[in-house]
Amino acid sequence: MTRIILEMALLAFCIAIVIFASQSLSVIDVVTKSFIVLVSVVGLIVIVLVTTLLVAGRMKKPAEQPVERPVQQKKTNGSAVGAR
């Protein structure tokens, strides 16, 4: 999952570099703003995933407890030892 987050953030970083470079900014400004976009995207993805997992955990119903049934005694056919 961390790999997916990193790949999405790197995609946003590359797109931000292209967008900021087309605005004829200096190289330092382009890299700085693109890094800010990278950190922002990672933060947003993490927040979305954490809230999704928390909500999914709360909505999950607790496992049903198995019903304890009384143990039934075996019926004997009267052929037990000592029975006459």
PDB file of N, CA and C in Angstrom:
ATOM      1  N   MET A   1       0.825  -1.181   0.000  1.00  0.00           N
ATOM      2  CA  MET A   1       0.000   0.000   0.000  1.00  0.00           C
ATOM      3  C   MET A   1       0.874   1.250   0.000  1.00  0.00           C
ATOM      4  N   THR A   2       1.995   1.190   0.686  1.00  0.00           N
ATOM      5  CA  THR A   2       2.877   2.362   0.707  1.00  0.00           C
ATOM      6  C   THR A   2       3.459   2.627  -0.670  1.00  0.00           C
ATOM      7  N   ARG A   3       3.632   1.560  -1.441  1.00  0.00           N
ATOM      8  CA  ARG A   3       4.170   1.740  -2.786  1.00  0.00           C
ATOM      9  C   ARG A   3       3.175   2.492  -3.660  1.00  0.00           C
ATOM     10  N   ILE A   4       1.903   2.192  -3.504  1.00  0.00           N
ATOM     11  CA  ILE A   4       0.876   2.887  -4.285  1.00  0.00           C
ATOM     12  C   ILE A   4       0.843   4.364  -3.915  1.00  0.00           C
ATOM     13  N   ILE A   5       0.935   4.651  -2.632  1.00  0.00           N
ATOM     14  CA  ILE A   5       0.944   6.047  -2.174  1.00  0.00           C
ATOM     15  C   ILE A   5       2.142   6.784  -2.756  1.00  0.00           C
ATOM     16  N   LEU A   6       3.303   6.142  -2.709  1.00  0.00           N
ATOM     17  CA  LEU A   6       4.514   6.774  -3.231  1.00  0.00           C
ATOM     18  C   LEU A   6       4.408   7.005  -4.734  1.00  0.00           C
ATOM     19  N   GLU A   7       3.880   6.030  -5.466  1.00  0.00           N
ATOM     20  CA  GLU A   7       3.765   6.190  -6.918  1.00  0.00           C
ATOM     21  C   GLU A   7       2.791   7.298  -7.290  1.00  0.00           C
ATOM     22  N   MET A   8       1.696   7.397  -6.557  1.00  0.00           N
ATOM     23  CA  MET A   8       0.743   8.473  -6.844  1.00  0.00           C
ATOM     24  C   MET A   8       1.350   9.835  -6.524  1.00  0.00           C
ATOM     25  N   ALA A   9       2.109   9.904  -5.439  1.00  0.00           N
ATOM     26  CA  ALA A   9       2.748  11.167  -5.069  1.00  0.00           C
ATOM     27  C   ALA A   9       3.826  11.552  -6.086  1.00  0.00           C
ATOM     28  N   LEU A  10       4.571  10.569  -6.574  1.00  0.00           N
ATOM     29  CA  LEU A  10       5.586  10.868  -7.590  1.00  0.00           C
ATOM     30  C   LEU A  10       4.948  11.306  -8.903  1.00  0.00           C
ATOM     31  N   LEU A  11       3.800  10.730  -9.236  1.00  0.00           N
ATOM     32  CA  LEU A  11       3.074  11.175 -10.419  1.00  0.00           C
ATOM     33  C   LEU A  11       2.652  12.633 -10.274  1.00  0.00           C
ATOM     34  N   ALA A  12       2.136  12.981  -9.110  1.00  0.00           N
ATOM     35  CA  ALA A  12       1.741  14.372  -8.857  1.00  0.00           C
ATOM     36  C   ALA A  12       2.958  15.287  -8.899  1.00  0.00           C
ATOM     37  N   PHE A  13       4.088  14.803  -8.379  1.00  0.00           N
ATOM     38  CA  PHE A  13       5.331  15.586  -8.398  1.00  0.00           C
ATOM     39  C   PHE A  13       5.753  15.879  -9.835  1.00  0.00           C
ATOM     40  N   CYS A  14       5.734  14.867 -10.683  1.00  0.00           N
ATOM     41  CA  CYS A  14       6.146  15.051 -12.082  1.00  0.00           C
ATOM     42  C   CYS A  14       5.189  15.976 -12.826  1.00  0.00           C
ATOM     43  N   ILE A  15       3.905  15.811 -12.589  1.00  0.00           N
ATOM     44  CA  ILE A  15       2.925  16.696 -13.235  1.00  0.00           C
ATOM     45  C   ILE A  15       3.112  18.129 -12.758  1.00  0.00           C
ATOM     46  N   ALA A  16       3.397  18.299 -11.463  1.00  0.00           N
ATOM     47  CA  ALA A  16       3.620  19.652 -10.930  1.00  0.00           C
ATOM     48  C   ALA A  16       4.872  20.273 -11.539  1.00  0.00           C
ATOM     49  N   ILE A  17       5.911  19.470 -11.748  1.00  0.00           N
ATOM     50  CA  ILE A  17       7.126  20.007 -12.384  1.00  0.00           C
ATOM     51  C   ILE A  17       6.813  20.517 -13.782  1.00  0.00           C
ATOM     52  N   VAL A  18       6.055  19.747 -14.540  1.00  0.00           N
ATOM     53  CA  VAL A  18       5.706  20.170 -15.901  1.00  0.00           C
ATOM     54  C   VAL A  18       4.869  21.443 -15.870  1.00  0.00           C
ATOM     55  N   ILE A  19       3.897  21.498 -14.977  1.00  0.00           N
ATOM     56  CA  ILE A  19       3.022  22.675 -14.912  1.00  0.00           C
ATOM     57  C   ILE A  19       3.802  23.914 -14.469  1.00  0.00           C
ATOM     58  N   PHE A  20       4.604  23.778 -13.420  1.00  0.00           N
ATOM     59  CA  PHE A  20       5.347  24.944 -12.920  1.00  0.00           C
ATOM     60  C   PHE A  20       6.471  25.354 -13.878  1.00  0.00           C
ATOM     61  N   ALA A  21       7.060  24.401 -14.567  1.00  0.00           N
ATOM     62  CA  ALA A  21       8.119  24.743 -15.527  1.00  0.00           C
ATOM     63  C   ALA A  21       7.549  25.476 -16.732  1.00  0.00           C
ATOM     64  N   SER A  22       6.316  25.190 -17.089  1.00  0.00           N
ATOM     65  CA  SER A  22       5.702  25.879 -18.225  1.00  0.00           C
ATOM     66  C   SER A  22       5.337  27.324 -17.895  1.00  0.00           C
ATOM     67  N   GLN A  23       5.369  27.672 -16.617  1.00  0.00           N
ATOM     68  CA  GLN A  23       5.072  29.036 -16.209  1.00  0.00           C
ATOM     69  C   GLN A  23       6.326  29.899 -16.157  1.00  0.00           C
ATOM     70  N   SER A  24       7.413  29.379 -16.668  1.00  0.00           N
ATOM     71  CA  SER A  24       8.725  30.046 -16.736  1.00  0.00           C
ATOM     72  C   SER A  24       9.189  30.560 -15.362  1.00  0.00           C
ATOM     73  N   LEU A  25       9.128  29.674 -14.372  1.00  0.00           N
ATOM     74  CA  LEU A  25       9.665  29.978 -13.043  1.00  0.00           C
ATOM     75  C   LEU A  25      11.109  29.506 -12.983  1.00  0.00           C
ATOM     76  N   SER A  26      11.828  29.931 -11.973  1.00  0.00           N
ATOM     77  CA  SER A  26      13.205  29.457 -11.815  1.00  0.00           C
ATOM     78  C   SER A  26      13.188  27.992 -11.373  1.00  0.00           C
ATOM     79  N   VAL A  27      14.319  27.331 -11.559  1.00  0.00           N
ATOM     80  CA  VAL A  27      14.401  25.899 -11.252  1.00  0.00           C
ATOM     81  C   VAL A  27      14.142  25.645  -9.772  1.00  0.00           C
ATOM     82  N   ILE A  28      14.684  26.490  -8.910  1.00  0.00           N
ATOM     83  CA  ILE A  28      14.483  26.326  -7.470  1.00  0.00           C
ATOM     84  C   ILE A  28      13.007  26.463  -7.114  1.00  0.00           C
ATOM     85  N   ASP A  29      12.335  27.423  -7.706  1.00  0.00           N
ATOM     86  CA  ASP A  29      10.903  27.603  -7.438  1.00  0.00           C
ATOM     87  C   ASP A  29      10.088  26.402  -7.919  1.00  0.00           C
ATOM     88  N   VAL A  30      10.439  25.874  -9.086  1.00  0.00           N
ATOM     89  CA  VAL A  30       9.722  24.730  -9.639  1.00  0.00           C
ATOM     90  C   VAL A  30       9.877  23.523  -8.724  1.00  0.00           C
ATOM     91  N   VAL A  31      11.099  23.232  -8.301  1.00  0.00           N
ATOM     92  CA  VAL A  31      11.347  22.067  -7.450  1.00  0.00           C
ATOM     93  C   VAL A  31      10.711  22.259  -6.076  1.00  0.00           C
ATOM     94  N   THR A  32      10.790  23.441  -5.518  1.00  0.00           N
ATOM     95  CA  THR A  32      10.215  23.707  -4.201  1.00  0.00           C
ATOM     96  C   THR A  32       8.694  23.534  -4.222  1.00  0.00           C
ATOM     97  N   LYS A  33       8.049  24.151  -5.200  1.00  0.00           N
ATOM     98  CA  LYS A  33       6.594  24.042  -5.273  1.00  0.00           C
ATOM     99  C   LYS A  33       6.158  22.603  -5.580  1.00  0.00           C
ATOM    100  N   SER A  34       6.925  21.911  -6.399  1.00  0.00           N
ATOM    101  CA  SER A  34       6.593  20.520  -6.719  1.00  0.00           C
ATOM    102  C   SER A  34       6.768  19.631  -5.495  1.00  0.00           C
ATOM    103  N   PHE A  35       7.772  19.908  -4.675  1.00  0.00           N
ATOM    104  CA  PHE A  35       7.960  19.142  -3.444  1.00  0.00           C
ATOM    105  C   PHE A  35       6.810  19.394  -2.475  1.00  0.00           C
ATOM    106  N   ILE A  36       6.335  20.622  -2.429  1.00  0.00           N
ATOM    107  CA  ILE A  36       5.172  20.938  -1.588  1.00  0.00           C
ATOM    108  C   ILE A  36       3.949  20.155  -2.073  1.00  0.00           C
ATOM    109  N   VAL A  37       3.792  20.050  -3.377  1.00  0.00           N
ATOM    110  CA  VAL A  37       2.687  19.253  -3.940  1.00  0.00           C
ATOM    111  C   VAL A  37       2.857  17.790  -3.546  1.00  0.00           C
ATOM    112  N   LEU A  38       4.075  17.263  -3.617  1.00  0.00           N
ATOM    113  CA  LEU A  38       4.345  15.872  -3.249  1.00  0.00           C
ATOM    114  C   LEU A  38       3.946  15.602  -1.803  1.00  0.00           C
ATOM    115  N   VAL A  39       4.375  16.451  -0.894  1.00  0.00           N
ATOM    116  CA  VAL A  39       4.060  16.274   0.523  1.00  0.00           C
ATOM    117  C   VAL A  39       2.556  16.403   0.762  1.00  0.00           C
ATOM    118  N   SER A  40       1.925  17.340   0.074  1.00  0.00           N
ATOM    119  CA  SER A  40       0.476  17.525   0.230  1.00  0.00           C
ATOM    120  C   SER A  40      -0.300  16.309  -0.254  1.00  0.00           C
ATOM    121  N   VAL A  41       0.102  15.750  -1.382  1.00  0.00           N
ATOM    122  CA  VAL A  41      -0.599  14.583  -1.921  1.00  0.00           C
ATOM    123  C   VAL A  41      -0.438  13.387  -0.990  1.00  0.00           C
ATOM    124  N   VAL A  42       0.765  13.179  -0.484  1.00  0.00           N
ATOM    125  CA  VAL A  42       0.979  12.073   0.461  1.00  0.00           C
ATOM    126  C   VAL A  42       0.107  12.267   1.701  1.00  0.00           C
ATOM    127  N   GLY A  43       0.082  13.471   2.228  1.00  0.00           N
ATOM    128  CA  GLY A  43      -0.736  13.748   3.413  1.00  0.00           C
ATOM    129  C   GLY A  43      -2.210  13.515   3.166  1.00  0.00           C
ATOM    130  N   LEU A  44      -2.714  13.965   2.025  1.00  0.00           N
ATOM    131  CA  LEU A  44      -4.134  13.773   1.717  1.00  0.00           C
ATOM    132  C   LEU A  44      -4.478  12.304   1.537  1.00  0.00           C
ATOM    133  N   ILE A  45      -3.623  11.559   0.853  1.00  0.00           N
ATOM    134  CA  ILE A  45      -3.890  10.132   0.647  1.00  0.00           C
ATOM    135  C   ILE A  45      -3.892   9.398   1.985  1.00  0.00           C
ATOM    136  N   VAL A  46      -2.950   9.721   2.847  1.00  0.00           N
ATOM    137  CA  VAL A  46      -2.884   9.061   4.156  1.00  0.00           C
ATOM    138  C   VAL A  46      -4.134   9.390   4.980  1.00  0.00           C
ATOM    139  N   ILE A  47      -4.557  10.636   4.957  1.00  0.00           N
ATOM    140  CA  ILE A  47      -5.758  11.022   5.708  1.00  0.00           C
ATOM    141  C   ILE A  47      -6.985  10.279   5.184  1.00  0.00           C
ATOM    142  N   VAL A  48      -7.120  10.195   3.868  1.00  0.00           N
ATOM    143  CA  VAL A  48      -8.265   9.486   3.283  1.00  0.00           C
ATOM    144  C   VAL A  48      -8.227   8.003   3.654  1.00  0.00           C
ATOM    145  N   LEU A  49      -7.061   7.385   3.570  1.00  0.00           N
ATOM    146  CA  LEU A  49      -6.966   5.966   3.899  1.00  0.00           C
ATOM    147  C   LEU A  49      -7.247   5.699   5.375  1.00  0.00           C
ATOM    148  N   VAL A  50      -6.713   6.527   6.252  1.00  0.00           N
ATOM    149  CA  VAL A  50      -6.926   6.321   7.683  1.00  0.00           C
ATOM    150  C   VAL A  50      -8.399   6.481   8.040  1.00  0.00           C
ATOM    151  N   THR A  51      -9.030   7.514   7.515  1.00  0.00           N
ATOM    152  CA  THR A  51     -10.449   7.703   7.831  1.00  0.00           C
ATOM    153  C   THR A  51     -11.303   6.588   7.233  1.00  0.00           C
ATOM    154  N   THR A  52     -10.947   6.129   6.041  1.00  0.00           N
ATOM    155  CA  THR A  52     -11.688   5.025   5.428  1.00  0.00           C
ATOM    156  C   THR A  52     -11.562   3.757   6.262  1.00  0.00           C
ATOM    157  N   LEU A  53     -10.355   3.455   6.713  1.00  0.00           N
ATOM    158  CA  LEU A  53     -10.149   2.256   7.513  1.00  0.00           C
ATOM    159  C   LEU A  53     -10.841   2.358   8.870  1.00  0.00           C
ATOM    160  N   LEU A  54     -10.847   3.544   9.465  1.00  0.00           N
ATOM    161  CA  LEU A  54     -11.530   3.716  10.740  1.00  0.00           C
ATOM    162  C   LEU A  54     -13.038   3.555  10.595  1.00  0.00           C
ATOM    163  N   VAL A  55     -13.589   4.139   9.545  1.00  0.00           N
ATOM    164  CA  VAL A  55     -15.029   4.016   9.326  1.00  0.00           C
ATOM    165  C   VAL A  55     -15.391   2.567   9.015  1.00  0.00           C
ATOM    166  N   ALA A  56     -14.589   1.911   8.213  1.00  0.00           N
ATOM    167  CA  ALA A  56     -14.858   0.511   7.888  1.00  0.00           C
ATOM    168  C   ALA A  56     -14.755  -0.365   9.130  1.00  0.00           C
ATOM    169  N   GLY A  57     -13.832  -0.051  10.024  1.00  0.00           N
ATOM    170  CA  GLY A  57     -13.694  -0.809  11.263  1.00  0.00           C
ATOM    171  C   GLY A  57     -14.871  -0.616  12.192  1.00  0.00           C
ATOM    172  N   ARG A  58     -15.436   0.560  12.206  1.00  0.00           N
ATOM    173  CA  ARG A  58     -16.592   0.823  13.076  1.00  0.00           C
ATOM    174  C   ARG A  58     -17.861   0.215  12.514  1.00  0.00           C
ATOM    175  N   MET A  59     -17.960   0.148  11.202  1.00  0.00           N
ATOM    176  CA  MET A  59     -19.161  -0.394  10.583  1.00  0.00           C
ATOM    177  C   MET A  59     -19.173  -1.917  10.602  1.00  0.00           C
ATOM    178  N   LYS A  60     -18.039  -2.497  10.809  1.00  0.00           N
ATOM    179  CA  LYS A  60     -17.956  -3.956  10.829  1.00  0.00           C
ATOM    180  C   LYS A  60     -18.690  -4.468  12.059  1.00  0.00           C
ATOM    181  N   LYS A  61     -19.592  -5.397  11.839  1.00  0.00           N
ATOM    182  CA  LYS A  61     -20.373  -5.933  12.944  1.00  0.00           C
ATOM    183  C   LYS A  61     -19.499  -6.895  13.740  1.00  0.00           C
ATOM    184  N   PRO A  62     -19.669  -6.897  15.042  1.00  0.00           N
ATOM    185  CA  PRO A  62     -18.892  -7.856  15.841  1.00  0.00           C
ATOM    186  C   PRO A  62     -19.321  -9.271  15.502  1.00  0.00           C
ATOM    187  N   ALA A  63     -18.385 -10.172  15.603  1.00  0.00           N
ATOM    188  CA  ALA A  63     -18.676 -11.573  15.289  1.00  0.00           C
ATOM    189  C   ALA A  63     -19.706 -12.106  16.269  1.00  0.00           C
ATOM    190  N   GLU A  64     -20.622 -12.875  15.739  1.00  0.00           N
ATOM    191  CA  GLU A  64     -21.663 -13.425  16.593  1.00  0.00           C
ATOM    192  C   GLU A  64     -21.080 -14.501  17.490  1.00  0.00           C
ATOM    193  N   GLN A  65     -21.482 -14.465  18.730  1.00  0.00           N
ATOM    194  CA  GLN A  65     -21.031 -15.463  19.687  1.00  0.00           C
ATOM    195  C   GLN A  65     -21.784 -16.757  19.425  1.00  0.00           C
ATOM    196  N   PRO A  66     -21.090 -17.870  19.398  1.00  0.00           N
ATOM    197  CA  PRO A  66     -21.805 -19.141  19.197  1.00  0.00           C
ATOM    198  C   PRO A  66     -22.710 -19.432  20.391  1.00  0.00           C
ATOM    199  N   VAL A  67     -23.878 -19.927  20.099  1.00  0.00           N
ATOM    200  CA  VAL A  67     -24.847 -20.237  21.142  1.00  0.00           C
ATOM    201  C   VAL A  67     -24.440 -21.547  21.794  1.00  0.00           C
ATOM    202  N   GLU A  68     -24.342 -21.520  23.104  1.00  0.00           N
ATOM    203  CA  GLU A  68     -23.980 -22.739  23.820  1.00  0.00           C
ATOM    204  C   GLU A  68     -25.220 -23.585  24.008  1.00  0.00           C
ATOM    205  N   ARG A  69     -25.170 -24.779  23.488  1.00  0.00           N
ATOM    206  CA  ARG A  69     -26.291 -25.695  23.602  1.00  0.00           C
ATOM    207  C   ARG A  69     -26.001 -26.670  24.725  1.00  0.00           C
ATOM    208  N   PRO A  70     -27.037 -27.045  25.463  1.00  0.00           N
ATOM    209  CA  PRO A  70     -26.811 -28.017  26.537  1.00  0.00           C
ATOM    210  C   PRO A  70     -26.397 -29.365  25.948  1.00  0.00           C
ATOM    211  N   VAL A  71     -25.508 -30.023  26.648  1.00  0.00           N
ATOM    212  CA  VAL A  71     -25.018 -31.312  26.195  1.00  0.00           C
ATOM    213  C   VAL A  71     -26.090 -32.360  26.457  1.00  0.00           C
ATOM    214  N   GLN A  72     -26.438 -33.107  25.428  1.00  0.00           N
ATOM    215  CA  GLN A  72     -27.441 -34.149  25.575  1.00  0.00           C
ATOM    216  C   GLN A  72     -26.752 -35.446  25.981  1.00  0.00           C
ATOM    217  N   GLN A  73     -27.364 -36.133  26.914  1.00  0.00           N
ATOM    218  CA  GLN A  73     -26.797 -37.398  27.361  1.00  0.00           C
ATOM    219  C   GLN A  73     -27.246 -38.492  26.416  1.00  0.00           C
ATOM    220  N   LYS A  74     -26.336 -39.435  26.181  1.00  0.00           N
ATOM    221  CA  LYS A  74     -26.656 -40.537  25.295  1.00  0.00           C
ATOM    222  C   LYS A  74     -27.669 -41.463  25.962  1.00  0.00           C
ATOM    223  N   LYS A  75     -28.595 -41.904  25.169  1.00  0.00           N
ATOM    224  CA  LYS A  75     -29.589 -42.837  25.685  1.00  0.00           C
ATOM    225  C   LYS A  75     -28.993 -44.239  25.652  1.00  0.00           C
ATOM    226  N   THR A  76     -29.244 -44.973  26.718  1.00  0.00           N
ATOM    227  CA  THR A  76     -28.775 -46.360  26.754  1.00  0.00           C
ATOM    228  C   THR A  76     -29.950 -47.282  26.486  1.00  0.00           C
ATOM    229  N   ASN A  77     -29.677 -48.425  25.921  1.00  0.00           N
ATOM    230  CA  ASN A  77     -30.743 -49.346  25.595  1.00  0.00           C
ATOM    231  C   ASN A  77     -30.960 -50.382  26.717  1.00  0.00           C
ATOM    232  N   GLY A  78     -30.433 -50.114  27.855  1.00  0.00           N
ATOM    233  CA  GLY A  78     -30.653 -50.995  28.999  1.00  0.00           C
ATOM    234  C   GLY A  78     -29.641 -52.128  29.069  1.00  0.00           C
ATOM    235  N   SER A  79     -28.650 -52.123  28.216  1.00  0.00           N
ATOM    236  CA  SER A  79     -27.692 -53.218  28.236  1.00  0.00           C
ATOM    237  C   SER A  79     -26.435 -52.825  29.000  1.00  0.00           C
ATOM    238  N   ALA A  80     -26.564 -51.881  29.864  1.00  0.00           N
ATOM    239  CA  ALA A  80     -25.401 -51.452  30.620  1.00  0.00           C
ATOM    240  C   ALA A  80     -25.032 -52.518  31.644  1.00  0.00           C
ATOM    241  N   VAL A  81     -23.796 -52.497  32.051  1.00  0.00           N
ATOM    242  CA  VAL A  81     -23.313 -53.470  33.015  1.00  0.00           C
ATOM    243  C   VAL A  81     -24.017 -53.219  34.349  1.00  0.00           C
ATOM    244  N   GLY A  82     -24.509 -54.242  34.943  1.00  0.00           N
ATOM    245  CA  GLY A  82     -25.167 -54.136  36.235  1.00  0.00           C
ATOM    246  C   GLY A  82     -26.659 -53.911  36.124  1.00  0.00           C
ATOM    247  N   ALA A  83     -27.163 -53.663  34.924  1.00  0.00           N
ATOM    248  CA  ALA A  83     -28.603 -53.487  34.762  1.00  0.00           C
ATOM    249  C   ALA A  83     -29.249 -54.857  34.517  1.00  0.00           C
ATOM    250  N   ARG A  84     -30.311 -55.187  35.250  1.00  0.00           N
ATOM    251  CA  ARG A  84     -30.993 -56.491  35.100  1.00  0.00           C
ATOM    252  C   ARG A  84     -32.451 -56.294  34.931  1.00  0.00           C
TER     253      ARG A  84
END
